[in-house]
Amino acid sequence: MTASRRLDRLFCDRALLAGGWASGVLLRFDAKGLIAAIETGVDKTPAEVERAAGPVIPGMPNLHSHAFQRAMAGLTERAGPAEDSFWTWREVMYGFVRRIDPDGLQAVAAMAYAEMLERGYTSVAEFHYLHHATDGRPYADPAEMSMPILAAADATGIGLTHLPVLYAQGGFGGQPAGEGQQRFLNTPDRLLAIVETCRAVPGGHRVGMALHSLRAVSPDAMAAALDGMAALDPEAPIHIHVAEQTAEVESCLSWSGRRPVEWLLDRGWPGPSWCLVHATHVTAAEVAGIAASGAVAGLCPTTEADLGDGLFPARDFLARGGRFGIGSDSQIVIDAAEELRLLEFGQRLTARRRNLLAPHPDGSTGAALYRGAVAGGAQALGQPEPAGGLKAGQRADLVVLDADDPRLYGRCDDTLLDSYVFTGARNAVREVVAGGRLVVRNGRHVDADAIRNGWRRAVDRLQAA
């Protein structure tokens, strides 16, 4: 394979398609970076066609990312004077975020996105609430801090769904924002101006909108933002943090008499274009309501574990036909397989049983999780033709696994996916194609040196600030 050009065709000895595993697969890509056509049963590699070096699976969408937090990963692992929780972690994050400027943000985001690609993510939904200057004052261009995110995606080749975030208050009932939140604050009109600016930028990025949380956006501001977004793009992805911590649920009950997910469902807002991020603390009725709405549950197991949030009732949700995807969120870990592994292992630890998220007896747990997260993630990112395998009309996003990896050697098809998901930390990703372009070769991003040099300079400046 070569990184010097966009691929127009790729031959795969074995590949996971929407209809299942197939041999002798010839993928054709169009100029927009989509899969134009798929042929199967091709006897040998056609002349002058790139050949995948191992089994090919669809790339994983990362449905929840705060890219800037990659630079603080590992810096919050010292016990504080009080009991540590999400809320104490948040105060550390506020102190860190005050120092990031546009250049630093672009370098940090590029590093995060390159690592995502190396670890099997081929697209990302950036939940972006860092809008203003380091002193909290708005830039003349409201989208000033969104441009580095778009540039980082372009530089690395990852598919981007950009989600400018509405953050308008400090807590339920219109509480004033604190000092650490000043860089995040916007009105619905100013937020929609960011959306419009980003939609006009060339590059094929998908642009939607996020509501930070019920505690950070009033009902009137939510309604105004949703109405404005619907006028721009009625099918735009809409994401929201919800029910991540028990304290949030209790505060929402005190404010409204409803639990957070219950409050949203009562208004009839969530639907297939929505992603409810975390939704950790939900009742059986809320689980049923999310599944029935068609919204995607955005699960971030490594971050939820790191912050001590709790466990989403995944088994009950999937039994009701619920749709889910995975995200790297705080970037404490960037690894698609590890998110899926921890999702299953968390259920095992609470139930003291195994293979709880397998679809049926004798079903493959790893394969089911992988296919489900690919389909749900693509839906949450607003990508065309979401499915659990490669399909014409999709983005040309795929991962070539290393067939010589000792954990994968001799494995095939769903057993291969089980081994990929559940057998350890060594990266088994060999090559990655994103949007029809080769972006990872031999396990390393094709521009890794330049990206890492920029990362080092940005981290040096952050530490000196």
Protein backbone atom coordinates (compact mmCIF):
# COMPACT_ATOMS: atom_id res chain seq x y z
CA MET A 1 0.00 0.00 0.00
CA THR A 2 1.07 3.60 -0.50
CA ALA A 3 0.13 6.75 1.39
CA SER A 4 0.86 9.05 -1.54
CA ARG A 5 -2.59 8.82 -3.12
CA ARG A 6 -6.22 8.11 -2.50
CA LEU A 7 -7.08 4.46 -3.07
CA ASP A 8 -9.65 3.72 -5.73
CA ARG A 9 -9.77 -0.05 -5.17
CA LEU A 10 -8.74 -2.55 -2.53
CA PHE A 11 -8.68 -6.34 -2.72
CA CYS A 12 -9.31 -8.29 0.49
CA ASP A 13 -8.80 -12.01 0.89
CA ARG A 14 -11.39 -11.88 3.69
CA ALA A 15 -13.63 -8.99 4.78
CA LEU A 16 -16.61 -8.37 7.03
CA LEU A 17 -19.49 -7.08 4.90
CA ALA A 18 -22.94 -5.95 6.00
CA GLY A 19 -24.23 -9.42 5.10
CA GLY A 20 -21.43 -11.28 6.87
CA TRP A 21 -17.92 -12.49 6.16
CA ALA A 22 -16.89 -12.94 2.52
CA SER A 23 -13.83 -14.07 0.56
CA GLY A 24 -12.21 -12.54 -2.51
CA VAL A 25 -13.67 -9.08 -1.88
CA LEU A 26 -12.94 -6.20 -4.23
CA LEU A 27 -13.89 -2.79 -2.81
CA ARG A 28 -14.24 0.18 -5.14
CA PHE A 29 -14.06 3.73 -3.73
CA ASP A 30 -15.35 6.92 -5.31
CA ALA A 31 -13.82 10.41 -5.33
CA LYS A 32 -15.89 11.41 -2.28
CA GLY A 33 -14.31 8.69 -0.16
CA LEU A 34 -17.35 6.41 -0.17
CA ILE A 35 -17.58 2.72 -1.03
CA ALA A 36 -18.96 2.77 -4.56
CA ALA A 37 -19.28 -0.97 -5.13
CA ILE A 38 -18.36 -4.35 -3.65
CA GLU A 39 -17.59 -7.53 -5.56
CA THR A 40 -17.20 -10.91 -3.85
CA GLY A 41 -15.79 -14.24 -4.95
CA VAL A 42 -12.98 -12.66 -6.94
CA ASP A 43 -10.50 -15.48 -7.54
CA LYS A 44 -7.25 -13.51 -7.40
CA THR A 45 -5.99 -10.01 -6.96
CA PRO A 46 -6.77 -8.00 -10.10
CA ALA A 47 -3.78 -6.35 -11.76
CA GLU A 48 -2.63 -3.01 -10.30
CA VAL A 49 -4.97 -3.19 -7.33
CA GLU A 50 -3.84 -2.66 -3.74
CA ARG A 51 -4.15 -5.79 -1.60
CA ALA A 52 -4.96 -5.74 2.10
CA ALA A 53 -2.31 -7.47 4.16
CA GLY A 54 -4.79 -9.14 6.52
CA PRO A 55 -8.47 -9.59 7.34
CA VAL A 56 -10.51 -6.41 6.84
CA ILE A 57 -13.21 -5.11 9.19
CA PRO A 58 -15.16 -1.84 9.14
CA GLY A 59 -13.56 1.07 10.96
CA MET A 60 -15.04 2.02 14.31
CA PRO A 61 -16.80 5.39 14.75
CA ASN A 62 -15.82 7.20 17.97
CA LEU A 63 -19.08 8.84 19.02
CA HIS A 64 -17.84 10.96 21.93
CA SER A 65 -14.58 12.88 22.13
CA HIS A 66 -13.20 15.87 24.00
CA ALA A 67 -9.91 16.03 22.10
CA PHE A 68 -8.28 18.71 24.27
CA GLN A 69 -8.41 16.37 27.29
CA ARG A 70 -5.79 14.12 25.71
CA ALA A 71 -3.14 16.51 27.03
CA MET A 72 -4.29 16.02 30.64
CA ALA A 73 -4.65 12.23 30.56
CA GLY A 74 -2.86 10.75 33.56
CA LEU A 75 -2.60 14.06 35.43
CA THR A 76 -5.59 13.49 37.73
CA GLU A 77 -4.49 10.26 39.41
CA ARG A 78 -3.47 11.71 42.79
CA ALA A 79 -5.89 11.56 45.68
CA GLY A 80 -7.24 14.92 46.81
CA PRO A 81 -7.99 16.10 50.36
CA ALA A 82 -11.67 15.24 49.90
CA GLU A 83 -13.32 12.15 48.44
CA ASP A 84 -12.49 12.09 44.73
CA SER A 85 -15.28 11.89 42.14
CA PHE A 86 -16.28 13.25 38.76
CA TRP A 87 -16.84 16.61 40.41
CA THR A 88 -13.29 16.90 41.80
CA TRP A 89 -11.90 15.72 38.44
CA ARG A 90 -13.92 18.47 36.78
CA GLU A 91 -12.22 21.16 38.86
CA VAL A 92 -8.80 19.89 37.74
CA MET A 93 -10.02 19.97 34.13
CA TYR A 94 -11.20 23.58 34.52
CA GLY A 95 -7.74 24.62 35.69
CA PHE A 96 -6.10 22.85 32.77
CA VAL A 97 -8.43 24.19 30.11
CA ARG A 98 -7.62 27.83 30.91
CA ARG A 99 -4.22 27.45 29.22
CA ILE A 100 -5.15 26.03 25.80
CA ASP A 101 -4.97 28.39 22.82
CA PRO A 102 -5.99 27.65 19.19
CA ASP A 103 -2.53 26.45 18.13
CA GLY A 104 -2.24 24.19 21.14
CA LEU A 105 -5.72 22.82 20.59
CA GLN A 106 -4.94 21.91 16.98
CA ALA A 107 -1.73 20.09 17.93
CA VAL A 108 -3.37 18.20 20.78
CA ALA A 109 -6.41 17.27 18.69
CA ALA A 110 -4.19 16.05 15.84
CA MET A 111 -2.31 13.80 18.27
CA ALA A 112 -5.57 12.41 19.67
CA TYR A 113 -6.98 11.81 16.20
CA ALA A 114 -3.80 10.10 14.97
CA GLU A 115 -3.90 7.80 17.98
CA MET A 116 -7.56 7.06 17.32
CA LEU A 117 -6.74 6.02 13.77
CA GLU A 118 -3.87 3.82 14.96
CA ARG A 119 -6.26 2.11 17.38
CA GLY A 120 -9.06 1.37 14.94
CA TYR A 121 -11.28 4.47 15.04
CA THR A 122 -11.83 5.94 11.58
CA SER A 123 -14.23 8.78 12.43
CA VAL A 124 -15.03 10.87 15.47
CA ALA A 125 -17.80 13.02 16.91
CA GLU A 126 -16.10 15.97 18.57
CA PHE A 127 -18.26 17.25 21.45
CA HIS A 128 -16.71 20.70 21.42
CA TYR A 129 -17.45 23.19 24.19
CA LEU A 130 -14.15 25.09 24.32
CA HIS A 131 -15.25 28.26 22.48
CA HIS A 132 -13.63 31.40 23.93
CA ALA A 133 -10.20 32.86 24.61
CA THR A 134 -8.11 31.84 27.61
CA ASP A 135 -9.44 34.82 29.61
CA GLY A 136 -13.03 33.79 28.85
CA ARG A 137 -13.75 36.61 26.41
CA PRO A 138 -15.45 35.64 23.13
CA TYR A 139 -13.39 35.83 19.96
CA ALA A 140 -14.57 38.14 17.20
CA ASP A 141 -15.19 34.97 15.18
CA PRO A 142 -17.38 32.69 17.33
CA ALA A 143 -15.93 29.65 15.52
CA GLU A 144 -12.30 30.55 16.27
CA MET A 145 -11.80 27.47 18.45
CA SER A 146 -13.69 25.15 16.11
CA MET A 147 -11.32 25.80 13.21
CA PRO A 148 -8.40 23.97 14.90
CA ILE A 149 -10.62 20.89 15.29
CA LEU A 150 -11.51 20.88 11.60
CA ALA A 151 -7.86 21.45 10.69
CA ALA A 152 -6.69 18.58 12.91
CA ALA A 153 -9.20 16.24 11.30
CA ASP A 154 -8.01 17.28 7.84
CA ALA A 155 -4.36 16.83 8.82
CA THR A 156 -4.86 13.31 10.16
CA GLY A 157 -7.53 12.08 7.73
CA ILE A 158 -10.06 11.04 10.36
CA GLY A 159 -13.73 11.52 9.48
CA LEU A 160 -15.20 14.32 11.58
CA THR A 161 -18.68 15.00 12.86
CA HIS A 162 -18.25 18.35 14.57
CA LEU A 163 -20.66 19.11 17.41
CA PRO A 164 -20.41 22.67 18.73
CA VAL A 165 -21.84 22.56 22.26
CA LEU A 166 -24.40 24.86 23.83
CA TYR A 167 -23.35 25.58 27.41
CA ALA A 168 -25.34 28.45 28.92
CA GLN A 169 -25.45 28.22 32.73
CA GLY A 170 -23.69 26.79 35.76
CA GLY A 171 -26.38 24.42 37.03
CA PHE A 172 -30.04 23.50 37.17
CA GLY A 173 -32.47 26.38 37.48
CA GLY A 174 -30.23 28.98 35.87
CA GLN A 175 -27.37 28.92 38.37
CA PRO A 176 -24.58 31.33 37.36
CA ALA A 177 -21.52 29.83 35.69
CA GLY A 178 -18.31 29.60 37.64
CA GLU A 179 -14.93 30.98 36.66
CA GLY A 180 -13.83 27.67 35.17
CA GLN A 181 -16.82 27.60 32.82
CA GLN A 182 -16.39 31.00 31.19
CA ARG A 183 -14.70 29.63 28.05
CA PHE A 184 -17.72 27.41 27.37
CA LEU A 185 -20.66 29.84 27.56
CA ASN A 186 -22.81 30.74 24.57
CA THR A 187 -26.32 31.79 23.66
CA PRO A 188 -28.32 29.69 21.19
CA ASP A 189 -27.83 32.33 18.49
CA ARG A 190 -24.08 32.46 18.94
CA LEU A 191 -23.87 28.67 19.01
CA LEU A 192 -25.86 28.43 15.78
CA ALA A 193 -23.49 30.96 14.22
CA ILE A 194 -20.63 28.54 14.95
CA VAL A 195 -22.61 25.73 13.34
CA GLU A 196 -23.25 27.80 10.20
CA THR A 197 -19.59 28.80 9.91
CA CYS A 198 -18.43 25.19 10.25
CA ARG A 199 -20.98 23.97 7.72
CA ALA A 200 -19.49 26.36 5.16
CA VAL A 201 -15.94 25.02 5.55
CA PRO A 202 -14.89 22.69 2.68
CA GLY A 203 -13.75 19.19 3.52
CA GLY A 204 -16.84 17.07 3.82
CA HIS A 205 -17.16 17.31 7.59
CA ARG A 206 -20.56 16.50 9.10
CA VAL A 207 -21.78 19.25 11.44
CA GLY A 208 -24.41 18.82 14.11
CA MET A 209 -24.96 20.26 17.54
CA ALA A 210 -24.67 19.22 21.17
CA LEU A 211 -26.49 20.35 24.28
CA HIS A 212 -23.98 20.01 27.06
CA SER A 213 -26.43 18.69 29.69
CA LEU A 214 -29.71 19.53 31.38
CA ARG A 215 -27.79 21.26 34.14
CA ALA A 216 -25.94 23.53 31.69
CA VAL A 217 -28.79 24.52 29.33
CA SER A 218 -32.23 25.85 30.26
CA PRO A 219 -35.37 24.37 28.67
CA ASP A 220 -35.99 27.57 26.68
CA ALA A 221 -32.41 27.67 25.40
CA MET A 222 -32.62 23.99 24.42
CA ALA A 223 -35.83 24.57 22.48
CA ALA A 224 -34.40 27.60 20.69
CA ALA A 225 -31.21 25.76 19.74
CA LEU A 226 -33.10 22.70 18.52
CA ASP A 227 -35.47 24.82 16.44
CA GLY A 228 -32.55 26.70 14.89
CA MET A 229 -30.65 23.50 14.13
CA ALA A 230 -33.73 21.93 12.55
CA ALA A 231 -34.01 24.92 10.22
CA LEU A 232 -30.37 24.43 9.13
CA ASP A 233 -30.40 20.63 8.91
CA PRO A 234 -33.38 18.61 10.15
CA GLU A 235 -31.31 15.39 10.14
CA ALA A 236 -28.31 16.82 11.99
CA PRO A 237 -26.88 14.72 14.83
CA ILE A 238 -27.91 16.00 18.29
CA HIS A 239 -25.87 14.82 21.29
CA ILE A 240 -26.26 15.45 25.02
CA HIS A 241 -24.56 14.33 28.25
CA VAL A 242 -27.24 12.83 30.47
CA ALA A 243 -27.51 10.94 33.79
CA GLU A 244 -23.77 10.38 34.09
CA GLN A 245 -23.63 10.80 37.89
CA THR A 246 -26.10 10.13 40.69
CA ALA A 247 -25.69 13.73 41.92
CA GLU A 248 -26.92 14.96 38.54
CA VAL A 249 -29.99 12.73 38.75
CA GLU A 250 -30.78 13.93 42.27
CA SER A 251 -30.38 17.58 41.32
CA CYS A 252 -32.60 17.13 38.27
CA LEU A 253 -35.29 15.54 40.45
CA SER A 254 -35.11 18.46 42.87
CA TRP A 255 -35.34 20.97 40.02
CA SER A 256 -38.02 19.35 37.85
CA GLY A 257 -39.52 16.36 39.61
CA ARG A 258 -38.20 14.20 36.77
CA ARG A 259 -35.03 12.20 36.21
CA PRO A 260 -32.84 13.53 33.35
CA VAL A 261 -33.68 10.88 30.73
CA GLU A 262 -37.31 10.90 31.84
CA TRP A 263 -37.38 14.69 31.40
CA LEU A 264 -36.12 14.40 27.82
CA LEU A 265 -38.45 11.55 26.92
CA ASP A 266 -41.45 13.46 28.32
CA ARG A 267 -40.76 16.17 25.72
CA GLY A 268 -40.53 13.66 22.89
CA TRP A 269 -37.20 15.08 21.71
CA PRO A 270 -34.90 12.03 21.45
CA GLY A 271 -35.09 10.18 18.16
CA PRO A 272 -32.76 8.42 15.69
CA SER A 273 -30.62 11.54 15.19
CA TRP A 274 -29.97 11.82 18.95
CA CYS A 275 -27.15 10.35 21.01
CA LEU A 276 -27.63 10.19 24.78
CA VAL A 277 -24.07 10.16 26.10
CA HIS A 278 -23.48 7.98 29.18
CA ALA A 279 -27.11 7.56 30.38
CA THR A 280 -25.49 5.59 33.18
CA HIS A 281 -28.12 5.95 35.88
CA VAL A 282 -31.42 5.01 34.29
CA THR A 283 -34.52 3.13 35.37
CA ALA A 284 -36.05 0.20 33.52
CA ALA A 285 -38.69 2.56 32.10
CA GLU A 286 -36.00 4.93 30.85
CA VAL A 287 -34.07 2.04 29.27
CA ALA A 288 -37.23 1.05 27.42
CA GLY A 289 -37.89 4.65 26.40
CA ILE A 290 -34.41 5.21 24.96
CA ALA A 291 -34.60 1.95 22.99
CA ALA A 292 -38.07 2.77 21.65
CA SER A 293 -37.01 6.27 20.60
CA GLY A 294 -34.30 4.95 18.26
CA ALA A 295 -31.69 7.20 19.92
CA VAL A 296 -28.16 5.86 20.35
CA ALA A 297 -26.71 5.29 23.81
CA GLY A 298 -23.21 6.76 23.75
CA LEU A 299 -21.11 4.58 26.06
CA CYS A 300 -17.57 5.47 27.15
CA PRO A 301 -16.53 2.60 29.45
CA THR A 302 -12.89 3.58 30.07
CA THR A 303 -13.80 7.17 30.99
CA GLU A 304 -16.82 6.07 33.03
CA ALA A 305 -14.53 3.67 34.92
CA ASP A 306 -11.82 6.30 35.38
CA LEU A 307 -14.32 8.80 36.81
CA GLY A 308 -16.15 6.24 38.94
CA ASP A 309 -19.45 7.01 37.23
CA GLY A 310 -21.08 3.57 37.28
CA LEU A 311 -22.27 1.02 34.74
CA PHE A 312 -24.91 1.39 32.05
CA PRO A 313 -27.47 -1.49 32.06
CA ALA A 314 -26.29 -2.68 28.65
CA ARG A 315 -27.78 -6.15 28.80
CA ASP A 316 -31.33 -4.91 29.40
CA PHE A 317 -30.91 -2.19 26.79
CA LEU A 318 -29.71 -4.55 24.08
CA ALA A 319 -32.45 -7.04 24.92
CA ARG A 320 -34.92 -4.28 24.00
CA GLY A 321 -33.24 -3.67 20.66
CA GLY A 322 -31.38 -0.58 21.84
CA ARG A 323 -28.65 0.94 19.69
CA PHE A 324 -25.26 1.85 21.13
CA GLY A 325 -21.83 3.09 20.19
CA ILE A 326 -18.55 3.75 21.99
CA GLY A 327 -16.41 6.82 22.59
CA SER A 328 -13.00 7.66 24.02
CA ASP A 329 -14.45 10.74 25.79
CA SER A 330 -11.70 12.07 28.13
CA GLN A 331 -8.96 10.23 26.15
CA ILE A 332 -7.63 8.48 29.26
CA VAL A 333 -7.54 5.46 26.92
CA ILE A 334 -7.73 5.56 23.12
CA ASP A 335 -8.47 2.03 21.94
CA ALA A 336 -11.68 0.82 20.29
CA ALA A 337 -11.16 -2.81 21.33
CA GLU A 338 -10.59 -1.86 24.96
CA GLU A 339 -13.84 0.12 25.15
CA LEU A 340 -15.75 -2.95 23.96
CA ARG A 341 -13.83 -5.26 26.26
CA LEU A 342 -14.56 -3.13 29.32
CA LEU A 343 -18.21 -2.78 28.32
CA GLU A 344 -18.64 -6.56 28.52
CA PHE A 345 -16.34 -7.03 31.52
CA GLY A 346 -18.26 -4.44 33.56
CA GLN A 347 -21.45 -6.43 33.04
CA ARG A 348 -19.65 -9.64 34.02
CA LEU A 349 -18.34 -8.13 37.26
CA THR A 350 -21.78 -7.03 38.40
CA ALA A 351 -23.67 -10.19 37.32
CA ARG A 352 -20.83 -12.65 38.07
CA ARG A 353 -21.49 -14.38 34.75
CA ARG A 354 -19.83 -14.45 31.34
CA ASN A 355 -20.75 -13.50 27.75
CA LEU A 356 -23.66 -11.39 28.89
CA LEU A 357 -23.86 -9.25 25.74
CA ALA A 358 -23.81 -12.14 23.28
CA PRO A 359 -26.93 -11.97 21.09
CA HIS A 360 -28.01 -15.60 21.63
CA PRO A 361 -26.68 -18.97 22.85
CA ASP A 362 -23.51 -19.85 20.92
CA GLY A 363 -23.36 -16.25 19.73
CA SER A 364 -20.04 -14.44 19.40
CA THR A 365 -19.77 -11.73 22.06
CA GLY A 366 -16.88 -9.80 20.51
CA ALA A 367 -18.35 -9.87 17.02
CA ALA A 368 -21.78 -8.78 18.26
CA LEU A 369 -20.29 -5.90 20.22
CA TYR A 370 -18.12 -4.82 17.30
CA ARG A 371 -20.92 -4.89 14.74
CA GLY A 372 -23.33 -3.15 17.11
CA ALA A 373 -20.90 -0.36 17.96
CA VAL A 374 -20.03 0.21 14.29
CA ALA A 375 -23.70 0.52 13.30
CA GLY A 376 -24.74 2.62 16.29
CA GLY A 377 -21.67 4.82 16.04
CA ALA A 378 -22.27 5.53 12.36
CA GLN A 379 -25.87 6.47 13.16
CA ALA A 380 -24.76 8.81 15.93
CA LEU A 381 -22.25 10.51 13.63
CA GLY A 382 -24.86 11.03 10.90
CA GLN A 383 -22.91 8.87 8.45
CA PRO A 384 -24.56 7.36 5.37
CA GLU A 385 -25.78 3.77 5.34
CA PRO A 386 -24.94 2.72 8.92
CA ALA A 387 -24.43 -1.05 9.19
CA GLY A 388 -22.32 -3.53 11.13
CA GLY A 389 -20.21 -4.39 8.09
CA LEU A 390 -18.89 -2.88 4.88
CA LYS A 391 -21.60 -1.77 2.45
CA ALA A 392 -21.82 0.29 -0.73
CA GLY A 393 -22.77 3.88 0.05
CA GLN A 394 -20.82 4.00 3.32
CA ARG A 395 -17.67 6.01 3.98
CA ALA A 396 -14.69 3.99 2.85
CA ASP A 397 -13.51 3.39 6.44
CA LEU A 398 -11.85 0.08 7.18
CA VAL A 399 -9.25 -1.56 9.37
CA VAL A 400 -6.78 -4.22 8.28
CA LEU A 401 -5.90 -6.50 11.18
CA ASP A 402 -2.49 -8.12 11.57
CA ALA A 403 -3.04 -11.79 10.72
CA ASP A 404 0.48 -12.58 12.03
CA ASP A 405 -0.28 -11.23 15.50
CA PRO A 406 0.04 -14.25 17.83
CA ARG A 407 -3.39 -13.56 19.32
CA LEU A 408 -5.04 -13.57 15.88
CA TYR A 409 -2.98 -16.19 14.09
CA GLY A 410 -5.15 -19.10 12.98
CA ARG A 411 -8.36 -17.26 13.92
CA CYS A 412 -11.00 -16.37 11.38
CA ASP A 413 -14.28 -14.53 11.07
CA ASP A 414 -16.22 -14.01 14.32
CA THR A 415 -13.58 -15.89 16.34
CA LEU A 416 -11.08 -13.40 14.97
CA LEU A 417 -13.20 -10.53 16.29
CA ASP A 418 -13.56 -12.25 19.67
CA SER A 419 -9.78 -12.52 19.85
CA TYR A 420 -9.28 -8.91 18.73
CA VAL A 421 -11.66 -7.56 21.37
CA PHE A 422 -10.81 -9.75 24.35
CA THR A 423 -7.16 -10.82 24.25
CA GLY A 424 -5.05 -7.95 25.46
CA ALA A 425 -3.48 -4.56 25.12
CA ARG A 426 -1.08 -5.02 22.17
CA ASN A 427 -2.44 -3.23 19.14
CA ALA A 428 -3.47 -5.62 16.36
CA VAL A 429 -4.31 -2.86 13.85
CA ARG A 430 -1.94 -3.04 10.88
CA GLU A 431 -3.38 -0.60 8.34
CA VAL A 432 -6.29 1.83 8.30
CA VAL A 433 -8.16 3.41 5.40
CA ALA A 434 -10.33 6.44 6.27
CA GLY A 435 -12.46 8.10 3.62
CA GLY A 436 -10.66 6.06 0.97
CA ARG A 437 -7.18 7.20 2.05
CA LEU A 438 -4.49 5.11 3.66
CA VAL A 439 -3.75 6.84 6.98
CA VAL A 440 -2.10 4.10 9.06
CA ARG A 441 0.62 1.78 7.75
CA ASN A 442 2.33 -0.93 9.81
CA GLY A 443 0.44 0.25 12.88
CA ARG A 444 1.62 3.86 12.67
CA HIS A 445 0.02 7.00 11.29
CA VAL A 446 1.65 8.00 8.02
CA ASP A 447 2.41 11.48 9.41
CA ALA A 448 3.22 10.35 12.94
CA ASP A 449 6.55 12.17 13.21
CA ALA A 450 5.20 15.61 12.32
CA ILE A 451 2.10 15.14 14.48
CA ARG A 452 4.13 14.04 17.49
CA ASN A 453 6.56 16.93 17.10
CA GLY A 454 3.62 19.36 17.17
CA TRP A 455 2.22 17.56 20.20
CA ARG A 456 5.51 17.89 22.09
CA ARG A 457 5.70 21.61 21.40
CA ALA A 458 2.10 22.09 22.57
CA VAL A 459 2.64 20.11 25.77
CA ASP A 460 5.83 22.06 26.54
CA ARG A 461 3.88 25.32 26.21
CA LEU A 462 1.02 24.04 28.39
CA GLN A 463 3.40 22.95 31.11
CA ALA A 464 5.22 26.28 31.03
CA ALA A 465 2.02 28.35 31.22
